[in-house]
PDB file of N, CA and C in Angstrom:
ATOM      1  N   MET A   1     149.023  68.482 172.804  1.00  0.00           N
ATOM      2  CA  MET A   1     150.067  67.497 172.096  1.00  0.00           C
ATOM      3  C   MET A   1     151.436  67.978 171.977  1.00  0.00           C
ATOM      4  N   THR A   2     152.566  67.242 172.200  1.00  0.00           N
ATOM      5  CA  THR A   2     153.525  67.643 172.453  1.00  0.00           C
ATOM      6  C   THR A   2     154.652  67.575 171.163  1.00  0.00           C
ATOM      7  N   GLY A   3     155.285  68.229 170.539  1.00  0.00           N
ATOM      8  CA  GLY A   3     156.112  67.929 169.379  1.00  0.00           C
ATOM      9  C   GLY A   3     157.750  68.011 169.690  1.00  0.00           C
ATOM     10  N   CYS A   4     158.116  67.471 168.807  1.00  0.00           N
ATOM     11  CA  CYS A   4     159.726  67.136 169.064  1.00  0.00           C
ATOM     12  C   CYS A   4     160.149  67.217 167.523  1.00  0.00           C
ATOM     13  N   SER A   5     159.821  67.924 166.383  1.00  0.00           N
ATOM     14  CA  SER A   5     160.413  67.966 165.095  1.00  0.00           C
ATOM     15  C   SER A   5     161.567  68.826 165.068  1.00  0.00           C
ATOM     16  N   ARG A   6     162.439  68.079 164.058  1.00  0.00           N
ATOM     17  CA  ARG A   6     163.505  68.779 163.896  1.00  0.00           C
ATOM     18  C   ARG A   6     164.136  68.520 162.240  1.00  0.00           C
ATOM     19  N   VAL A   7     165.170  69.341 161.771  1.00  0.00           N
ATOM     20  CA  VAL A   7     165.265  69.130 160.458  1.00  0.00           C
ATOM     21  C   VAL A   7     166.785  68.449 160.439  1.00  0.00           C
ATOM     22  N   VAL A   8     166.930  67.425 159.526  1.00  0.00           N
ATOM     23  CA  VAL A   8     168.146  66.503 159.909  1.00  0.00           C
ATOM     24  C   VAL A   8     168.579  66.922 158.539  1.00  0.00           C
ATOM     25  N   ASP A   9     169.885  67.371 158.433  1.00  0.00           N
ATOM     26  CA  ASP A   9     170.623  67.730 157.293  1.00  0.00           C
ATOM     27  C   ASP A   9     171.924  66.815 157.316  1.00  0.00           C
ATOM     28  N   LEU A  10     171.674  66.166 156.046  1.00  0.00           N
ATOM     29  CA  LEU A  10     172.571  65.175 155.530  1.00  0.00           C
ATOM     30  C   LEU A  10     173.644  65.838 154.629  1.00  0.00           C
ATOM     31  N   THR A  11     175.026  66.015 154.432  1.00  0.00           N
ATOM     32  CA  THR A  11     175.976  66.483 153.489  1.00  0.00           C
ATOM     33  C   THR A  11     176.772  65.222 153.100  1.00  0.00           C
ATOM     34  N   SER A  12     177.760  65.567 152.053  1.00  0.00           N
ATOM     35  CA  SER A  12     178.632  64.652 151.782  1.00  0.00           C
ATOM     36  C   SER A  12     179.662  64.323 152.744  1.00  0.00           C
ATOM     37  N   THR A  13     179.783  65.352 153.765  1.00  0.00           N
ATOM     38  CA  THR A  13     180.638  64.940 154.929  1.00  0.00           C
ATOM     39  C   THR A  13     180.220  64.442 155.963  1.00  0.00           C
ATOM     40  N   SER A  14     178.783  64.791 156.273  1.00  0.00           N
ATOM     41  CA  SER A  14     177.918  64.076 157.310  1.00  0.00           C
ATOM     42  C   SER A  14     176.893  63.377 156.940  1.00  0.00           C
ATOM     43  N   GLY A  15     177.239  62.283 156.386  1.00  0.00           N
ATOM     44  CA  GLY A  15     176.058  61.345 155.757  1.00  0.00           C
ATOM     45  C   GLY A  15     175.349  60.570 156.560  1.00  0.00           C
ATOM     46  N   VAL A  16     175.651  60.187 157.810  1.00  0.00           N
ATOM     47  CA  VAL A  16     175.095  59.291 158.730  1.00  0.00           C
ATOM     48  C   VAL A  16     174.713  59.855 160.049  1.00  0.00           C
ATOM     49  N   THR A  17     173.511  59.527 160.162  1.00  0.00           N
ATOM     50  CA  THR A  17     173.174  60.179 161.730  1.00  0.00           C
ATOM     51  C   THR A  17     172.255  59.101 162.488  1.00  0.00           C
ATOM     52  N   SER A  18     171.570  59.686 163.701  1.00  0.00           N
ATOM     53  CA  SER A  18     170.855  58.545 164.260  1.00  0.00           C
ATOM     54  C   SER A  18     169.673  59.527 164.437  1.00  0.00           C
ATOM     55  N   ILE A  19     168.384  59.087 164.585  1.00  0.00           N
ATOM     56  CA  ILE A  19     167.289  59.843 165.351  1.00  0.00           C
ATOM     57  C   ILE A  19     166.637  58.948 166.253  1.00  0.00           C
ATOM     58  N   THR A  20     166.499  59.325 167.408  1.00  0.00           N
ATOM     59  CA  THR A  20     165.628  58.831 168.319  1.00  0.00           C
ATOM     60  C   THR A  20     164.481  59.515 168.685  1.00  0.00           C
ATOM     61  N   SER A  21     163.650  58.706 169.491  1.00  0.00           N
ATOM     62  CA  SER A  21     162.305  59.345 169.874  1.00  0.00           C
ATOM     63  C   SER A  21     162.821  60.044 171.239  1.00  0.00           C
ATOM     64  N   PRO A  22     161.812  60.914 171.691  1.00  0.00           N
ATOM     65  CA  PRO A  22     162.040  61.474 172.896  1.00  0.00           C
ATOM     66  C   PRO A  22     162.045  60.452 174.088  1.00  0.00           C
ATOM     67  N   ASN A  23     163.105  60.499 174.939  1.00  0.00           N
ATOM     68  CA  ASN A  23     163.162  59.827 176.390  1.00  0.00           C
ATOM     69  C   ASN A  23     163.557  58.381 175.979  1.00  0.00           C
ATOM     70  N   TYR A  24     163.839  58.101 174.770  1.00  0.00           N
ATOM     71  CA  TYR A  24     164.807  57.024 174.458  1.00  0.00           C
ATOM     72  C   TYR A  24     165.736  56.680 175.311  1.00  0.00           C
ATOM     73  N   PRO A  25     165.781  55.550 175.901  1.00  0.00           N
ATOM     74  CA  PRO A  25     165.117  54.052 175.633  1.00  0.00           C
ATOM     75  C   PRO A  25     164.007  53.746 176.231  1.00  0.00           C
ATOM     76  N   ASN A  26     163.210  54.692 177.213  1.00  0.00           N
ATOM     77  CA  ASN A  26     162.255  54.780 177.863  1.00  0.00           C
ATOM     78  C   ASN A  26     161.105  55.111 176.975  1.00  0.00           C
ATOM     79  N   LEU A  27     159.955  54.976 177.457  1.00  0.00           N
ATOM     80  CA  LEU A  27     158.929  55.284 176.797  1.00  0.00           C
ATOM     81  C   LEU A  27     158.699  56.675 176.352  1.00  0.00           C
ATOM     82  N   TYR A  28     158.132  57.195 175.206  1.00  0.00           N
ATOM     83  CA  TYR A  28     158.056  58.603 174.848  1.00  0.00           C
ATOM     84  C   TYR A  28     156.704  59.222 175.674  1.00  0.00           C
ATOM     85  N   PRO A  29     156.785  60.262 175.691  1.00  0.00           N
ATOM     86  CA  PRO A  29     155.680  61.082 176.897  1.00  0.00           C
ATOM     87  C   PRO A  29     154.427  60.711 175.724  1.00  0.00           C
ATOM     88  N   THR A  30     152.907  60.965 176.498  1.00  0.00           N
ATOM     89  CA  THR A  30     152.004  60.665 175.847  1.00  0.00           C
ATOM     90  C   THR A  30     151.610  61.698 174.784  1.00  0.00           C
ATOM     91  N   ASN A  31     150.954  61.382 173.959  1.00  0.00           N
ATOM     92  CA  ASN A  31     150.330  62.617 172.975  1.00  0.00           C
ATOM     93  C   ASN A  31     151.473  63.501 172.247  1.00  0.00           C
ATOM     94  N   VAL A  32     152.506  62.601 172.165  1.00  0.00           N
ATOM     95  CA  VAL A  32     154.099  63.464 171.367  1.00  0.00           C
ATOM     96  C   VAL A  32     153.707  63.458 169.928  1.00  0.00           C
ATOM     97  N   GLN A  33     154.029  64.133 169.403  1.00  0.00           N
ATOM     98  CA  GLN A  33     154.080  63.878 167.793  1.00  0.00           C
ATOM     99  C   GLN A  33     155.171  64.496 166.819  1.00  0.00           C
ATOM    100  N   CYS A  34     155.982  63.788 166.564  1.00  0.00           N
ATOM    101  CA  CYS A  34     157.254  64.280 165.994  1.00  0.00           C
ATOM    102  C   CYS A  34     157.508  63.751 164.459  1.00  0.00           C
ATOM    103  N   TYR A  35     158.130  65.118 163.881  1.00  0.00           N
ATOM    104  CA  TYR A  35     158.092  65.288 162.622  1.00  0.00           C
ATOM    105  C   TYR A  35     159.653  65.241 162.139  1.00  0.00           C
ATOM    106  N   TYR A  36     160.372  64.476 161.755  1.00  0.00           N
ATOM    107  CA  TYR A  36     161.794  64.671 161.126  1.00  0.00           C
ATOM    108  C   TYR A  36     161.730  64.849 159.632  1.00  0.00           C
ATOM    109  N   TYR A  37     162.444  66.097 159.272  1.00  0.00           N
ATOM    110  CA  TYR A  37     162.740  66.261 157.947  1.00  0.00           C
ATOM    111  C   TYR A  37     164.163  66.102 157.586  1.00  0.00           C
ATOM    112  N   ILE A  38     164.424  65.317 156.596  1.00  0.00           N
ATOM    113  CA  ILE A  38     165.788  64.957 156.211  1.00  0.00           C
ATOM    114  C   ILE A  38     166.067  65.518 154.968  1.00  0.00           C
ATOM    115  N   ARG A  39     167.007  66.183 155.090  1.00  0.00           N
ATOM    116  CA  ARG A  39     167.593  67.040 153.643  1.00  0.00           C
ATOM    117  C   ARG A  39     168.687  66.358 153.544  1.00  0.00           C
ATOM    118  N   ALA A  40     168.958  66.298 151.880  1.00  0.00           N
ATOM    119  CA  ALA A  40     170.377  65.616 151.346  1.00  0.00           C
ATOM    120  C   ALA A  40     170.620  66.230 150.175  1.00  0.00           C
ATOM    121  N   PRO A  41     171.937  66.072 149.859  1.00  0.00           N
ATOM    122  CA  PRO A  41     172.186  66.738 148.315  1.00  0.00           C
ATOM    123  C   PRO A  41     170.955  65.820 147.150  1.00  0.00           C
ATOM    124  N   GLN A  42     171.095  66.586 146.295  1.00  0.00           N
ATOM    125  CA  GLN A  42     170.095  66.137 145.158  1.00  0.00           C
ATOM    126  C   GLN A  42     170.274  64.687 144.912  1.00  0.00           C
ATOM    127  N   SER A  43     171.516  64.341 144.346  1.00  0.00           N
ATOM    128  CA  SER A  43     172.137  62.997 143.818  1.00  0.00           C
ATOM    129  C   SER A  43     171.861  61.959 144.995  1.00  0.00           C
ATOM    130  N   SER A  44     171.796  61.966 146.194  1.00  0.00           N
ATOM    131  CA  SER A  44     171.785  61.066 147.442  1.00  0.00           C
ATOM    132  C   SER A  44     170.696  60.285 147.305  1.00  0.00           C
ATOM    133  N   ARG A  45     170.908  59.184 147.653  1.00  0.00           N
ATOM    134  CA  ARG A  45     169.863  58.033 148.147  1.00  0.00           C
ATOM    135  C   ARG A  45     169.990  57.843 149.874  1.00  0.00           C
ATOM    136  N   ILE A  46     168.731  58.228 150.466  1.00  0.00           N
ATOM    137  CA  ILE A  46     168.739  57.768 151.948  1.00  0.00           C
ATOM    138  C   ILE A  46     168.255  56.178 152.297  1.00  0.00           C
ATOM    139  N   LEU A  47     168.898  55.830 153.231  1.00  0.00           N
ATOM    140  CA  LEU A  47     168.380  54.513 153.522  1.00  0.00           C
ATOM    141  C   LEU A  47     168.103  54.697 154.866  1.00  0.00           C
ATOM    142  N   LEU A  48     166.729  54.291 155.517  1.00  0.00           N
ATOM    143  CA  LEU A  48     166.553  54.233 156.869  1.00  0.00           C
ATOM    144  C   LEU A  48     166.599  52.907 157.468  1.00  0.00           C
ATOM    145  N   GLN A  49     167.061  52.763 158.640  1.00  0.00           N
ATOM    146  CA  GLN A  49     167.340  51.607 159.292  1.00  0.00           C
ATOM    147  C   GLN A  49     167.016  51.795 160.647  1.00  0.00           C
ATOM    148  N   PHE A  50     165.788  50.810 160.663  1.00  0.00           N
ATOM    149  CA  PHE A  50     165.466  50.953 162.097  1.00  0.00           C
ATOM    150  C   PHE A  50     165.964  49.859 163.093  1.00  0.00           C
ATOM    151  N   THR A  51     166.711  50.081 164.032  1.00  0.00           N
ATOM    152  CA  THR A  51     167.276  49.071 164.935  1.00  0.00           C
ATOM    153  C   THR A  51     166.563  48.544 166.313  1.00  0.00           C
ATOM    154  N   ASP A  52     165.651  49.309 166.677  1.00  0.00           N
ATOM    155  CA  ASP A  52     164.985  49.150 167.834  1.00  0.00           C
ATOM    156  C   ASP A  52     163.623  49.899 167.702  1.00  0.00           C
ATOM    157  N   PHE A  53     162.626  49.193 167.373  1.00  0.00           N
ATOM    158  CA  PHE A  53     161.413  49.602 167.016  1.00  0.00           C
ATOM    159  C   PHE A  53     160.206  48.705 167.785  1.00  0.00           C
ATOM    160  N   ASN A  54     159.728  49.534 168.734  1.00  0.00           N
ATOM    161  CA  ASN A  54     158.505  48.790 169.242  1.00  0.00           C
ATOM    162  C   ASN A  54     157.220  49.757 169.241  1.00  0.00           C
ATOM    163  N   VAL A  55     156.276  49.192 168.990  1.00  0.00           N
ATOM    164  CA  VAL A  55     155.011  50.092 168.677  1.00  0.00           C
ATOM    165  C   VAL A  55     153.827  49.627 169.724  1.00  0.00           C
ATOM    166  N   PRO A  56     153.710  50.283 170.540  1.00  0.00           N
ATOM    167  CA  PRO A  56     152.926  49.874 171.596  1.00  0.00           C
ATOM    168  C   PRO A  56     151.433  49.873 171.136  1.00  0.00           C
ATOM    169  N   THR A  57     150.423  48.984 171.736  1.00  0.00           N
ATOM    170  CA  THR A  57     149.247  48.487 171.260  1.00  0.00           C
ATOM    171  C   THR A  57     148.208  48.949 172.412  1.00  0.00           C
ATOM    172  N   ASN A  58     147.139  49.162 172.266  1.00  0.00           N
ATOM    173  CA  ASN A  58     145.863  49.246 173.135  1.00  0.00           C
ATOM    174  C   ASN A  58     145.452  48.058 173.572  1.00  0.00           C
ATOM    175  N   SER A  59     144.526  47.847 174.447  1.00  0.00           N
ATOM    176  CA  SER A  59     143.997  46.528 175.076  1.00  0.00           C
ATOM    177  C   SER A  59     143.297  45.907 174.065  1.00  0.00           C
ATOM    178  N   ILE A  60     142.833  46.480 172.792  1.00  0.00           N
ATOM    179  CA  ILE A  60     142.061  45.425 171.698  1.00  0.00           C
ATOM    180  C   ILE A  60     143.195  45.279 170.793  1.00  0.00           C
ATOM    181  N   ASN A  61     144.304  45.539 170.818  1.00  0.00           N
ATOM    182  CA  ASN A  61     145.163  45.176 169.971  1.00  0.00           C
ATOM    183  C   ASN A  61     145.417  45.967 168.772  1.00  0.00           C
ATOM    184  N   ASN A  62     144.932  47.489 168.843  1.00  0.00           N
ATOM    185  CA  ASN A  62     144.927  48.237 167.894  1.00  0.00           C
ATOM    186  C   ASN A  62     146.159  48.960 168.074  1.00  0.00           C
ATOM    187  N   CYS A  63     146.944  49.339 166.782  1.00  0.00           N
ATOM    188  CA  CYS A  63     147.943  50.347 166.787  1.00  0.00           C
ATOM    189  C   CYS A  63     147.860  51.613 167.441  1.00  0.00           C
ATOM    190  N   ASP A  64     148.195  52.411 168.236  1.00  0.00           N
ATOM    191  CA  ASP A  64     148.263  53.542 168.551  1.00  0.00           C
ATOM    192  C   ASP A  64     149.165  54.716 168.175  1.00  0.00           C
ATOM    193  N   ASP A  65     150.394  53.973 167.686  1.00  0.00           N
ATOM    194  CA  ASP A  65     151.388  54.708 167.170  1.00  0.00           C
ATOM    195  C   ASP A  65     151.285  54.284 165.507  1.00  0.00           C
ATOM    196  N   ALA A  66     152.463  55.042 164.836  1.00  0.00           N
ATOM    197  CA  ALA A  66     152.616  54.862 163.638  1.00  0.00           C
ATOM    198  C   ALA A  66     154.064  55.613 162.879  1.00  0.00           C
ATOM    199  N   VAL A  67     154.645  54.994 161.935  1.00  0.00           N
ATOM    200  CA  VAL A  67     155.731  55.928 161.140  1.00  0.00           C
ATOM    201  C   VAL A  67     155.163  55.940 160.084  1.00  0.00           C
ATOM    202  N   GLU A  68     155.318  57.367 159.484  1.00  0.00           N
ATOM    203  CA  GLU A  68     154.882  57.360 157.888  1.00  0.00           C
ATOM    204  C   GLU A  68     156.098  58.264 157.435  1.00  0.00           C
ATOM    205  N   ILE A  69     156.529  57.688 156.358  1.00  0.00           N
ATOM    206  CA  ILE A  69     157.400  58.340 155.377  1.00  0.00           C
ATOM    207  C   ILE A  69     157.121  59.063 153.958  1.00  0.00           C
ATOM    208  N   ARG A  70     157.538  60.048 154.058  1.00  0.00           N
ATOM    209  CA  ARG A  70     156.991  60.731 152.861  1.00  0.00           C
ATOM    210  C   ARG A  70     158.142  61.432 152.113  1.00  0.00           C
ATOM    211  N   TYR A  71     158.048  61.358 150.844  1.00  0.00           N
ATOM    212  CA  TYR A  71     158.928  62.056 149.721  1.00  0.00           C
ATOM    213  C   TYR A  71     158.540  63.360 149.318  1.00  0.00           C
ATOM    214  N   TYR A  72     159.430  64.259 149.345  1.00  0.00           N
ATOM    215  CA  TYR A  72     159.268  65.818 148.903  1.00  0.00           C
ATOM    216  C   TYR A  72     160.377  66.005 148.319  1.00  0.00           C
ATOM    217  N   ASN A  73     160.201  66.608 146.896  1.00  0.00           N
ATOM    218  CA  ASN A  73     161.672  67.005 146.323  1.00  0.00           C
ATOM    219  C   ASN A  73     161.084  68.622 145.931  1.00  0.00           C
ATOM    220  N   LEU A  74     162.347  69.494 145.838  1.00  0.00           N
ATOM    221  CA  LEU A  74     162.228  71.146 145.644  1.00  0.00           C
ATOM    222  C   LEU A  74     161.600  71.126 144.576  1.00  0.00           C
ATOM    223  N   GLY A  75     160.655  71.942 144.374  1.00  0.00           N
ATOM    224  CA  GLY A  75     160.184  72.178 142.938  1.00  0.00           C
ATOM    225  C   GLY A  75     158.777  71.482 143.120  1.00  0.00           C
ATOM    226  N   MET A  76     158.330  70.354 143.849  1.00  0.00           N
ATOM    227  CA  MET A  76     157.086  69.850 143.745  1.00  0.00           C
ATOM    228  C   MET A  76     156.383  70.814 144.493  1.00  0.00           C
ATOM    229  N   SER A  77     154.781  70.630 143.982  1.00  0.00           N
ATOM    230  CA  SER A  77     153.889  71.258 144.573  1.00  0.00           C
ATOM    231  C   SER A  77     153.397  70.796 146.108  1.00  0.00           C
ATOM    232  N   ILE A  78     153.493  71.804 147.256  1.00  0.00           N
ATOM    233  CA  ILE A  78     153.581  71.468 148.216  1.00  0.00           C
ATOM    234  C   ILE A  78     151.834  70.733 148.399  1.00  0.00           C
ATOM    235  N   ASP A  79     151.031  70.782 147.751  1.00  0.00           N
ATOM    236  CA  ASP A  79     149.718  69.977 147.833  1.00  0.00           C
ATOM    237  C   ASP A  79     149.880  68.351 147.934  1.00  0.00           C
ATOM    238  N   TYR A  80     151.381  68.118 147.300  1.00  0.00           N
ATOM    239  CA  TYR A  80     151.641  66.745 147.174  1.00  0.00           C
ATOM    240  C   TYR A  80     151.620  66.230 148.654  1.00  0.00           C
ATOM    241  N   LEU A  81     152.001  66.782 149.782  1.00  0.00           N
ATOM    242  CA  LEU A  81     152.240  66.422 151.023  1.00  0.00           C
ATOM    243  C   LEU A  81     151.309  65.966 151.875  1.00  0.00           C
ATOM    244  N   LYS A  82     150.335  67.252 151.573  1.00  0.00           N
ATOM    245  CA  LYS A  82     149.051  66.785 152.401  1.00  0.00           C
ATOM    246  C   LYS A  82     149.006  66.475 153.594  1.00  0.00           C
ATOM    247  N   ILE A  83     149.789  67.080 154.309  1.00  0.00           N
ATOM    248  CA  ILE A  83     149.842  67.064 155.848  1.00  0.00           C
ATOM    249  C   ILE A  83     148.489  66.931 156.746  1.00  0.00           C
TER     250      ILE A  83
END
């Protein structure tokens, strides 16, 4: 499995960023697994906006890929994540 994880730091001076999958706008590599960790100041709100979203399916119309969003706040038990 290939990885492409990174941390995205949002601050009061750089509060907007773009995240794209590997090889975008072309298909991403087979068996790639990406984790994007977004860090922001404590009083911030994060808005995720998907502008180009295409999840391929296999021949039986089952979804092979997924997007999962999890919330973690410093001080929370790490067991909460259950990765």
